[in-house]
Amino acid sequence: MLGCGESDSPDDADLGGAIREAGALDERLRDDGGVDAAADQSPEECEPGSVRNARCARCGTGPQTCGDDGRWLPVAECFDQRTCEPGEVEEEQLPMCATRRRLCLDSCEWSDWNDGRSAGECEVGEVRNVAGLCSLSEVSLQVCSDRCEWNEPSECMPGCAGERRTEPPDAEEVCVPAGAYLRGSTDEGAVHPRGTVFVSAFYIDRYPVTARRAAACIDAGDCQASPDFAPEQILWGWNKRAAWAFCRWDGRRLPTSTEWEKAARGPDVASSEFLWSVPPTCDELSYFGCPGHGTPEALRYDGAPVTRSVYGVERMMGGVLEPVADTEGHTTFEDDPLAFEGRDRFDGAHRGLDLVRSISVDEFRITRQFRGGQIGARCVRSAPGSERPWEAELIRAVDAGLR
């Protein structure tokens, strides 16, 4: 049976040469102990009822009886068979459409394996995102053909399935497509040790939760009352319990620490853990120590476009501390979000110190962590079809731990 491609190739000619060579190198079995090597093919007449020892399948031997018509009957039972029929070819499929073949020699034993078709570029049906062709919120996909070759890239398409929320403006979502991400840092105090992880596609709030959004949840009786802020101002003064309650009311959840970090840092595995090479000025961003820091205008949700990450997420610095689903000592939810099955680690995991994220104003470093403090909120949801196996258990555990 031929493999991928289903057509003749130079490999077939090579195999034919191997067959001829093997025939020249190996002799047929000689008669031994009265075996009639040609008996099974001979049309000669015989004495009815006579019996002889004849060669049969796979170089075996067995008794052959002469029939009433004076001709040899087929061998009734074949003994001492070997592994294959001379001239038989076996082909084995290997990864990425590669094959290897071997020939059955005249001794009814297999030859060594020989290379068949060379490996292709990919596994049949494999899909990959082609980097550099689209914006960071879009993907261009290539699918591996049945010949293990990459098809042409698709047109750019949204990197997250489903509909992205765009209204009202302060509740806009941003898509963070799936992909590998170089998380963490080698520095002491980093949330995660440095290493590459896979993060599934998710939507995240472009801005922290505003007072206007919080008011709707408070009016519904599902959220904790907050200080009196202008509607367009970033809300702060909540704790993790209040932030989680809002996200649940909004049909979503808190981000994991890894989701938060990827949204801030970008997809490039060589990207810096610093958001800027040169810190912004007080005119660009009002942070601690700047004139007017903490005023309603300084904390307007869309008032700091300089903080925009490569995905378009804003105010991850110069806004408020933002809680994540992780807590101290439990920051490894996303070692591999699509394969993670360590459910037992969630039990009681959310009764420890709150872990919140923000880009530190002294170093502008994305990989640092903070604990406690006056915090706001930013919510996420997994893109349809990208839900993590641990997600429902995470929600259950956080609910239980924050009661």
Protein backbone atom coordinates (compact mmCIF):
# COMPACT_ATOMS: atom_id res chain seq x y z
CA MET A 1 0.00 0.00 0.00
CA LEU A 2 1.43 3.35 -1.05
CA GLY A 3 1.56 6.23 1.40
CA CYS A 4 0.92 9.93 0.93
CA GLY A 5 0.91 10.96 -2.70
CA GLU A 6 -0.35 7.63 -4.13
CA SER A 7 2.00 7.84 -7.13
CA ASP A 8 5.17 6.26 -8.45
CA SER A 9 8.44 7.92 -7.54
CA PRO A 10 12.20 7.25 -7.72
CA ASP A 11 11.73 5.37 -4.45
CA ASP A 12 9.73 2.72 -6.36
CA ALA A 13 12.58 2.24 -8.79
CA ASP A 14 14.99 1.94 -5.87
CA LEU A 15 12.81 -0.73 -4.35
CA GLY A 16 12.80 -2.67 -7.60
CA GLY A 17 16.58 -2.59 -7.58
CA ALA A 18 16.55 -3.79 -3.99
CA ILE A 19 14.35 -6.73 -4.98
CA ARG A 20 16.73 -7.76 -7.76
CA GLU A 21 19.74 -7.33 -5.51
CA ALA A 22 18.14 -9.34 -2.74
CA GLY A 23 17.36 -12.12 -5.19
CA ALA A 24 20.96 -12.19 -6.28
CA LEU A 25 22.26 -12.22 -2.72
CA ASP A 26 19.97 -14.88 -1.29
CA GLU A 27 19.53 -18.48 -2.49
CA ARG A 28 16.37 -20.45 -2.40
CA LEU A 29 16.10 -23.11 0.24
CA ARG A 30 17.61 -26.40 -0.80
CA ASP A 31 15.82 -29.68 -0.33
CA ASP A 32 16.58 -31.13 3.04
CA GLY A 33 15.45 -34.50 4.32
CA GLY A 34 13.57 -35.51 1.20
CA VAL A 35 11.59 -32.30 0.69
CA ASP A 36 10.35 -31.99 -2.89
CA ALA A 37 10.86 -28.29 -3.59
CA ALA A 38 8.82 -28.35 -6.79
CA ALA A 39 6.11 -30.71 -5.66
CA ASP A 40 3.53 -27.99 -4.94
CA GLN A 41 3.81 -26.67 -8.48
CA SER A 42 4.36 -29.90 -10.39
CA PRO A 43 1.55 -31.14 -12.65
CA GLU A 44 3.02 -34.63 -12.85
CA GLU A 45 0.87 -37.67 -12.20
CA CYS A 46 1.22 -39.71 -9.05
CA GLU A 47 0.07 -42.95 -7.45
CA PRO A 48 -3.33 -42.35 -5.80
CA GLY A 49 -2.99 -42.46 -2.03
CA SER A 50 0.75 -41.86 -1.97
CA VAL A 51 2.12 -39.15 0.35
CA ARG A 52 5.20 -36.99 0.15
CA ASN A 53 6.74 -34.09 2.11
CA ALA A 54 6.34 -30.93 -0.01
CA ARG A 55 7.28 -27.29 0.25
CA CYS A 56 4.42 -24.88 1.06
CA ALA A 57 3.80 -21.29 2.04
CA ARG A 58 6.58 -19.14 3.56
CA CYS A 59 9.24 -21.79 2.99
CA GLY A 60 7.38 -24.29 5.14
CA THR A 61 6.83 -27.98 4.48
CA GLY A 62 3.92 -30.31 4.91
CA PRO A 63 2.43 -33.65 3.83
CA GLN A 64 0.94 -33.79 0.33
CA THR A 65 -1.36 -36.62 -0.75
CA CYS A 66 -2.00 -37.92 -4.27
CA GLY A 67 -5.69 -37.76 -5.11
CA ASP A 68 -7.89 -40.38 -6.75
CA ASP A 69 -7.34 -38.69 -10.12
CA GLY A 70 -3.63 -39.30 -9.84
CA ARG A 71 -2.69 -35.69 -9.18
CA TRP A 72 -1.21 -34.08 -6.10
CA LEU A 73 -3.65 -32.38 -3.77
CA PRO A 74 -2.78 -29.10 -1.99
CA VAL A 75 -0.65 -29.48 1.13
CA ALA A 76 -3.07 -30.17 3.96
CA GLU A 77 -1.09 -28.47 6.73
CA CYS A 78 2.03 -26.36 6.39
CA PHE A 79 4.67 -26.61 9.13
CA ASP A 80 7.75 -24.55 10.00
CA GLN A 81 6.62 -21.45 8.11
CA ARG A 82 8.86 -18.43 8.24
CA THR A 83 7.88 -14.75 8.26
CA CYS A 84 6.92 -13.79 4.69
CA GLU A 85 6.59 -14.82 1.05
CA PRO A 86 9.62 -14.21 -1.19
CA GLY A 87 9.23 -10.99 -3.16
CA GLU A 88 6.62 -9.56 -0.77
CA VAL A 89 7.10 -5.87 0.06
CA GLU A 90 6.04 -4.32 3.36
CA GLU A 91 5.69 -0.56 3.74
CA GLU A 92 5.35 1.23 7.07
CA GLN A 93 3.92 4.72 7.46
CA LEU A 94 6.06 7.09 9.52
CA PRO A 95 5.31 10.62 10.79
CA MET A 96 4.80 13.40 8.24
CA CYS A 97 4.06 11.04 5.34
CA ALA A 98 7.48 9.39 5.46
CA THR A 99 7.68 5.67 4.75
CA ARG A 100 10.15 2.85 5.02
CA ARG A 101 10.08 -0.47 3.17
CA ARG A 102 11.52 -3.92 3.39
CA LEU A 103 11.63 -6.90 1.05
CA CYS A 104 10.99 -10.56 1.76
CA LEU A 105 14.09 -12.48 0.68
CA ASP A 106 14.16 -15.88 -0.96
CA SER A 107 14.80 -17.32 2.49
CA CYS A 108 11.31 -16.12 3.51
CA GLU A 109 12.86 -13.65 5.95
CA TRP A 110 12.57 -9.87 5.89
CA SER A 111 15.47 -7.75 4.75
CA ASP A 112 16.53 -4.70 6.76
CA TRP A 113 14.35 -1.61 6.46
CA ASN A 114 15.17 0.79 3.63
CA ASP A 115 14.11 4.41 3.37
CA GLY A 116 11.00 5.01 1.31
CA ARG A 117 9.51 8.46 0.98
CA SER A 118 11.17 11.30 2.84
CA ALA A 119 9.32 13.16 5.57
CA GLY A 120 7.17 16.09 4.51
CA GLU A 121 6.80 19.47 6.19
CA CYS A 122 3.98 18.75 8.62
CA GLU A 123 1.40 16.24 9.84
CA VAL A 124 -1.79 15.87 7.81
CA GLY A 125 -4.46 18.20 9.19
CA GLU A 126 -2.02 20.21 11.34
CA VAL A 127 -2.85 23.91 11.54
CA ARG A 128 -0.47 26.75 12.29
CA ASN A 129 -0.66 30.52 12.55
CA VAL A 130 1.62 32.27 10.08
CA ALA A 131 3.39 35.07 11.89
CA GLY A 132 3.87 38.51 10.42
CA LEU A 133 1.04 38.51 7.89
CA CYS A 134 -1.74 40.03 10.00
CA SER A 135 -2.35 42.32 12.94
CA LEU A 136 -1.79 40.84 16.38
CA SER A 137 -5.53 40.35 16.93
CA GLU A 138 -5.83 38.39 13.68
CA VAL A 139 -4.42 35.13 12.42
CA SER A 140 -3.55 33.70 9.03
CA LEU A 141 -3.77 29.93 9.12
CA GLN A 142 -2.04 27.25 7.11
CA VAL A 143 -3.39 23.70 6.96
CA CYS A 144 -1.20 20.70 6.22
CA SER A 145 -2.37 18.83 3.13
CA ASP A 146 -2.73 15.07 2.68
CA ARG A 147 0.74 15.15 1.10
CA CYS A 148 2.21 16.60 4.31
CA GLU A 149 2.86 19.95 2.68
CA TRP A 150 1.66 23.33 3.91
CA ASN A 151 -1.17 24.84 1.90
CA GLU A 152 -1.20 28.54 1.07
CA PRO A 153 -1.92 30.80 4.09
CA SER A 154 -5.51 31.87 4.55
CA GLU A 155 -6.68 35.45 4.49
CA CYS A 156 -6.39 37.27 7.80
CA MET A 157 -9.22 36.42 10.17
CA PRO A 158 -10.08 37.20 13.79
CA GLY A 159 -7.77 35.43 16.21
CA CYS A 160 -10.61 34.64 18.61
CA ALA A 161 -13.81 32.84 17.69
CA GLY A 162 -17.14 34.46 18.48
CA GLU A 163 -18.15 38.09 18.66
CA ARG A 164 -15.93 40.68 20.32
CA ARG A 165 -17.78 43.15 22.52
CA THR A 166 -17.27 46.70 21.28
CA GLU A 167 -20.01 48.65 23.07
CA PRO A 168 -20.27 50.55 25.30
CA PRO A 169 -16.77 51.98 24.75
CA ASP A 170 -15.58 51.46 28.32
CA ALA A 171 -16.62 47.78 28.14
CA GLU A 172 -14.80 47.02 24.88
CA GLU A 173 -12.96 43.70 24.66
CA VAL A 174 -9.64 42.87 23.01
CA CYS A 175 -8.78 39.51 21.45
CA VAL A 176 -5.57 37.77 22.52
CA PRO A 177 -5.08 34.88 20.07
CA ALA A 178 -3.81 31.47 21.12
CA GLY A 179 -0.13 30.74 20.94
CA ALA A 180 3.13 30.09 22.71
CA TYR A 181 4.34 32.78 25.04
CA LEU A 182 7.61 33.36 26.87
CA ARG A 183 6.35 33.95 30.38
CA GLY A 184 8.09 35.21 33.49
CA SER A 185 11.56 36.32 34.35
CA THR A 186 14.79 35.06 35.83
CA ASP A 187 14.75 37.91 38.38
CA GLU A 188 13.93 37.38 42.02
CA GLY A 189 10.39 38.51 42.76
CA ALA A 190 8.96 37.56 39.36
CA VAL A 191 5.50 36.00 39.38
CA HIS A 192 6.61 33.10 37.18
CA PRO A 193 9.97 31.53 36.40
CA ARG A 194 11.01 32.14 32.81
CA GLY A 195 9.65 29.55 30.41
CA THR A 196 7.49 29.09 27.33
CA VAL A 197 3.85 28.15 27.86
CA PHE A 198 0.86 27.86 25.55
CA VAL A 199 -2.04 30.21 26.20
CA SER A 200 -5.43 29.58 24.62
CA ALA A 201 -7.37 32.38 22.91
CA PHE A 202 -9.27 34.74 25.18
CA TYR A 203 -10.99 38.12 25.28
CA ILE A 204 -9.90 40.68 27.86
CA ASP A 205 -11.27 44.11 28.80
CA ARG A 206 -9.45 46.87 26.97
CA TYR A 207 -9.82 49.06 30.08
CA PRO A 208 -10.17 48.42 33.82
CA VAL A 209 -13.75 48.42 35.11
CA THR A 210 -15.21 51.92 35.30
CA ALA A 211 -17.57 53.33 37.89
CA ARG A 212 -20.33 53.35 35.27
CA ARG A 213 -20.03 49.60 34.70
CA ALA A 214 -19.79 48.86 38.40
CA ALA A 215 -22.92 50.91 39.13
CA ALA A 216 -25.06 48.55 37.02
CA CYS A 217 -23.87 45.57 39.05
CA ILE A 218 -24.33 47.43 42.35
CA ASP A 219 -27.86 48.45 41.35
CA ALA A 220 -28.63 44.80 40.56
CA GLY A 221 -27.57 43.87 44.10
CA ASP A 222 -24.73 41.63 42.92
CA CYS A 223 -21.76 43.88 43.63
CA GLN A 224 -20.27 45.62 46.61
CA ALA A 225 -20.82 49.37 46.87
CA SER A 226 -17.82 51.45 45.88
CA PRO A 227 -16.59 54.98 46.52
CA ASP A 228 -18.32 57.73 44.61
CA PHE A 229 -16.46 58.18 41.34
CA ALA A 230 -17.30 59.91 38.09
CA PRO A 231 -18.85 57.41 35.62
CA GLU A 232 -15.83 57.46 33.26
CA GLN A 233 -13.31 57.05 36.07
CA ILE A 234 -11.50 53.79 36.74
CA LEU A 235 -13.01 52.21 39.82
CA TRP A 236 -10.79 51.30 42.76
CA GLY A 237 -11.36 50.45 46.41
CA TRP A 238 -12.62 46.93 45.84
CA ASN A 239 -11.01 43.73 47.10
CA LYS A 240 -10.60 40.50 45.18
CA ARG A 241 -13.99 39.20 46.30
CA ALA A 242 -15.74 42.26 44.90
CA ALA A 243 -13.77 42.12 41.65
CA TRP A 244 -14.59 38.44 41.19
CA ALA A 245 -18.27 39.10 41.90
CA PHE A 246 -18.38 41.77 39.20
CA CYS A 247 -16.74 39.56 36.60
CA ARG A 248 -19.15 36.72 37.38
CA TRP A 249 -22.09 39.14 37.12
CA ASP A 250 -20.72 40.23 33.74
CA GLY A 251 -20.60 36.59 32.56
CA ARG A 252 -16.84 36.30 32.75
CA ARG A 253 -14.03 35.71 35.26
CA LEU A 254 -10.78 37.16 36.52
CA PRO A 255 -7.77 36.52 34.28
CA THR A 256 -5.09 34.09 35.29
CA SER A 257 -1.74 35.66 35.99
CA THR A 258 -0.44 34.27 32.71
CA GLU A 259 -3.32 35.71 30.70
CA TRP A 260 -2.77 39.09 32.29
CA GLU A 261 0.95 39.02 31.59
CA LYS A 262 0.57 37.95 27.95
CA ALA A 263 -2.02 40.68 27.30
CA ALA A 264 0.44 43.23 28.68
CA ARG A 265 3.62 41.87 27.20
CA GLY A 266 2.67 40.64 23.75
CA PRO A 267 3.18 37.36 21.87
CA ASP A 268 6.80 37.68 20.79
CA VAL A 269 8.86 35.15 22.75
CA ALA A 270 11.78 37.55 22.53
CA SER A 271 9.78 40.52 23.79
CA SER A 272 11.03 42.48 26.76
CA GLU A 273 9.58 42.26 30.23
CA PHE A 274 9.58 46.07 30.18
CA LEU A 275 6.71 47.89 28.52
CA TRP A 276 8.82 50.88 27.49
CA SER A 277 12.48 51.40 26.81
CA VAL A 278 12.00 55.02 27.87
CA PRO A 279 9.51 55.74 30.70
CA PRO A 280 6.54 57.95 29.78
CA THR A 281 6.44 61.53 30.94
CA CYS A 282 3.86 62.90 33.37
CA ASP A 283 2.19 64.56 30.38
CA GLU A 284 1.68 61.13 28.84
CA LEU A 285 0.73 59.24 31.98
CA SER A 286 -0.19 60.42 35.44
CA TYR A 287 1.38 58.08 37.94
CA PHE A 288 2.51 58.43 41.54
CA GLY A 289 4.59 61.56 41.91
CA CYS A 290 3.11 63.33 38.89
CA PRO A 291 1.07 66.55 39.36
CA GLY A 292 -2.65 65.79 39.39
CA HIS A 293 -2.16 62.08 40.05
CA GLY A 294 -5.36 60.54 41.43
CA THR A 295 -7.72 63.20 40.07
CA PRO A 296 -10.83 62.13 38.13
CA GLU A 297 -9.34 63.36 34.89
CA ALA A 298 -6.08 61.50 35.51
CA LEU A 299 -8.03 58.28 36.12
CA ARG A 300 -10.35 58.54 33.13
CA TYR A 301 -10.45 55.08 31.57
CA ASP A 302 -9.28 56.18 28.10
CA GLY A 303 -6.92 58.90 29.30
CA ALA A 304 -3.61 57.07 28.88
CA PRO A 305 -3.22 55.73 25.32
CA VAL A 306 0.55 55.61 25.88
CA THR A 307 -0.06 52.52 28.05
CA ARG A 308 -1.55 50.57 25.14
CA SER A 309 0.02 47.12 24.81
CA VAL A 310 0.72 45.46 21.47
CA TYR A 311 -2.73 43.84 21.68
CA GLY A 312 -4.42 47.16 22.43
CA VAL A 313 -5.05 46.63 26.15
CA GLU A 314 -4.74 49.89 28.10
CA ARG A 315 -4.17 51.06 31.65
CA MET A 316 -2.33 47.97 32.85
CA MET A 317 0.00 50.54 34.32
CA GLY A 318 -0.84 53.95 35.72
CA GLY A 319 -4.32 52.80 36.67
CA VAL A 320 -5.12 50.45 39.54
CA LEU A 321 -3.91 47.14 40.89
CA GLU A 322 -5.83 44.34 39.18
CA PRO A 323 -6.61 40.99 40.85
CA VAL A 324 -5.95 37.72 39.04
CA ALA A 325 -7.41 34.28 39.64
CA ASP A 326 -4.13 33.02 41.13
CA THR A 327 -3.06 33.48 44.72
CA GLU A 328 0.34 33.33 46.33
CA GLY A 329 1.77 29.85 45.86
CA HIS A 330 -0.87 28.95 43.25
CA THR A 331 0.31 30.68 40.11
CA THR A 332 0.69 27.78 37.69
CA PHE A 333 -2.79 27.36 36.26
CA GLU A 334 -1.57 27.80 32.70
CA ASP A 335 1.42 25.52 32.34
CA ASP A 336 -0.58 24.20 29.39
CA PRO A 337 -4.17 25.44 29.50
CA LEU A 338 -5.54 22.96 26.97
CA ALA A 339 -4.05 19.90 28.66
CA PHE A 340 -4.05 20.79 32.35
CA GLU A 341 -5.85 18.25 34.55
CA GLY A 342 -4.49 18.94 38.05
CA ARG A 343 -7.88 19.57 39.62
CA ASP A 344 -6.77 18.79 43.14
CA ARG A 345 -4.55 21.88 43.25
CA PHE A 346 -7.62 24.14 43.22
CA ASP A 347 -9.05 22.90 46.51
CA GLY A 348 -8.51 25.62 49.08
CA ALA A 349 -6.23 27.50 46.72
CA HIS A 350 -8.02 30.78 47.09
CA ARG A 351 -7.93 31.36 50.81
CA GLY A 352 -4.39 32.73 50.81
CA LEU A 353 -3.05 36.21 50.10
CA ASP A 354 -4.51 37.98 47.11
CA LEU A 355 -2.25 38.18 44.09
CA VAL A 356 -2.78 41.26 41.96
CA ARG A 357 -0.94 42.49 38.90
CA SER A 358 0.18 45.85 37.67
CA ILE A 359 3.22 47.13 35.84
CA SER A 360 5.47 48.59 38.50
CA VAL A 361 5.84 52.34 38.21
CA ASP A 362 9.46 52.42 39.31
CA GLU A 363 10.77 49.89 36.76
CA PHE A 364 7.89 49.61 34.29
CA ARG A 365 8.41 45.88 34.64
CA ILE A 366 5.59 43.55 33.58
CA THR A 367 6.71 40.43 35.43
CA ARG A 368 6.41 41.70 39.03
CA GLN A 369 3.66 40.78 41.44
CA PHE A 370 1.85 42.58 44.22
CA ARG A 371 -0.25 41.37 47.13
CA GLY A 372 -3.33 43.04 48.53
CA GLY A 373 -3.92 46.77 48.29
CA GLN A 374 -6.73 48.93 46.96
CA ILE A 375 -7.66 47.34 43.70
CA GLY A 376 -9.99 47.62 40.73
CA ALA A 377 -10.90 44.93 38.24
CA ARG A 378 -10.41 43.70 34.67
CA CYS A 379 -12.26 40.64 33.36
CA VAL A 380 -11.66 37.99 30.70
CA ARG A 381 -13.50 35.17 29.00
CA SER A 382 -12.20 32.27 26.97
CA ALA A 383 -12.92 32.54 23.27
CA PRO A 384 -15.59 30.03 22.14
CA GLY A 385 -13.95 26.67 21.51
CA SER A 386 -10.95 27.59 23.65
CA GLU A 387 -12.41 26.87 27.07
CA ARG A 388 -9.83 25.32 29.39
CA PRO A 389 -10.49 21.90 30.95
CA TRP A 390 -9.84 23.42 34.38
CA GLU A 391 -12.04 26.49 33.94
CA ALA A 392 -15.20 25.25 35.64
CA GLU A 393 -13.14 23.89 38.54
CA LEU A 394 -11.32 27.20 38.86
CA ILE A 395 -14.62 29.08 39.13
CA ARG A 396 -15.90 26.62 41.73
CA ALA A 397 -12.74 26.89 43.80
CA VAL A 398 -12.59 30.68 43.70
CA ASP A 399 -16.27 30.89 44.60
CA ALA A 400 -15.65 28.61 47.58
CA GLY A 401 -12.47 30.37 48.66
CA LEU A 402 -13.94 33.86 48.57
CA ARG A 403 -17.11 33.14 50.53
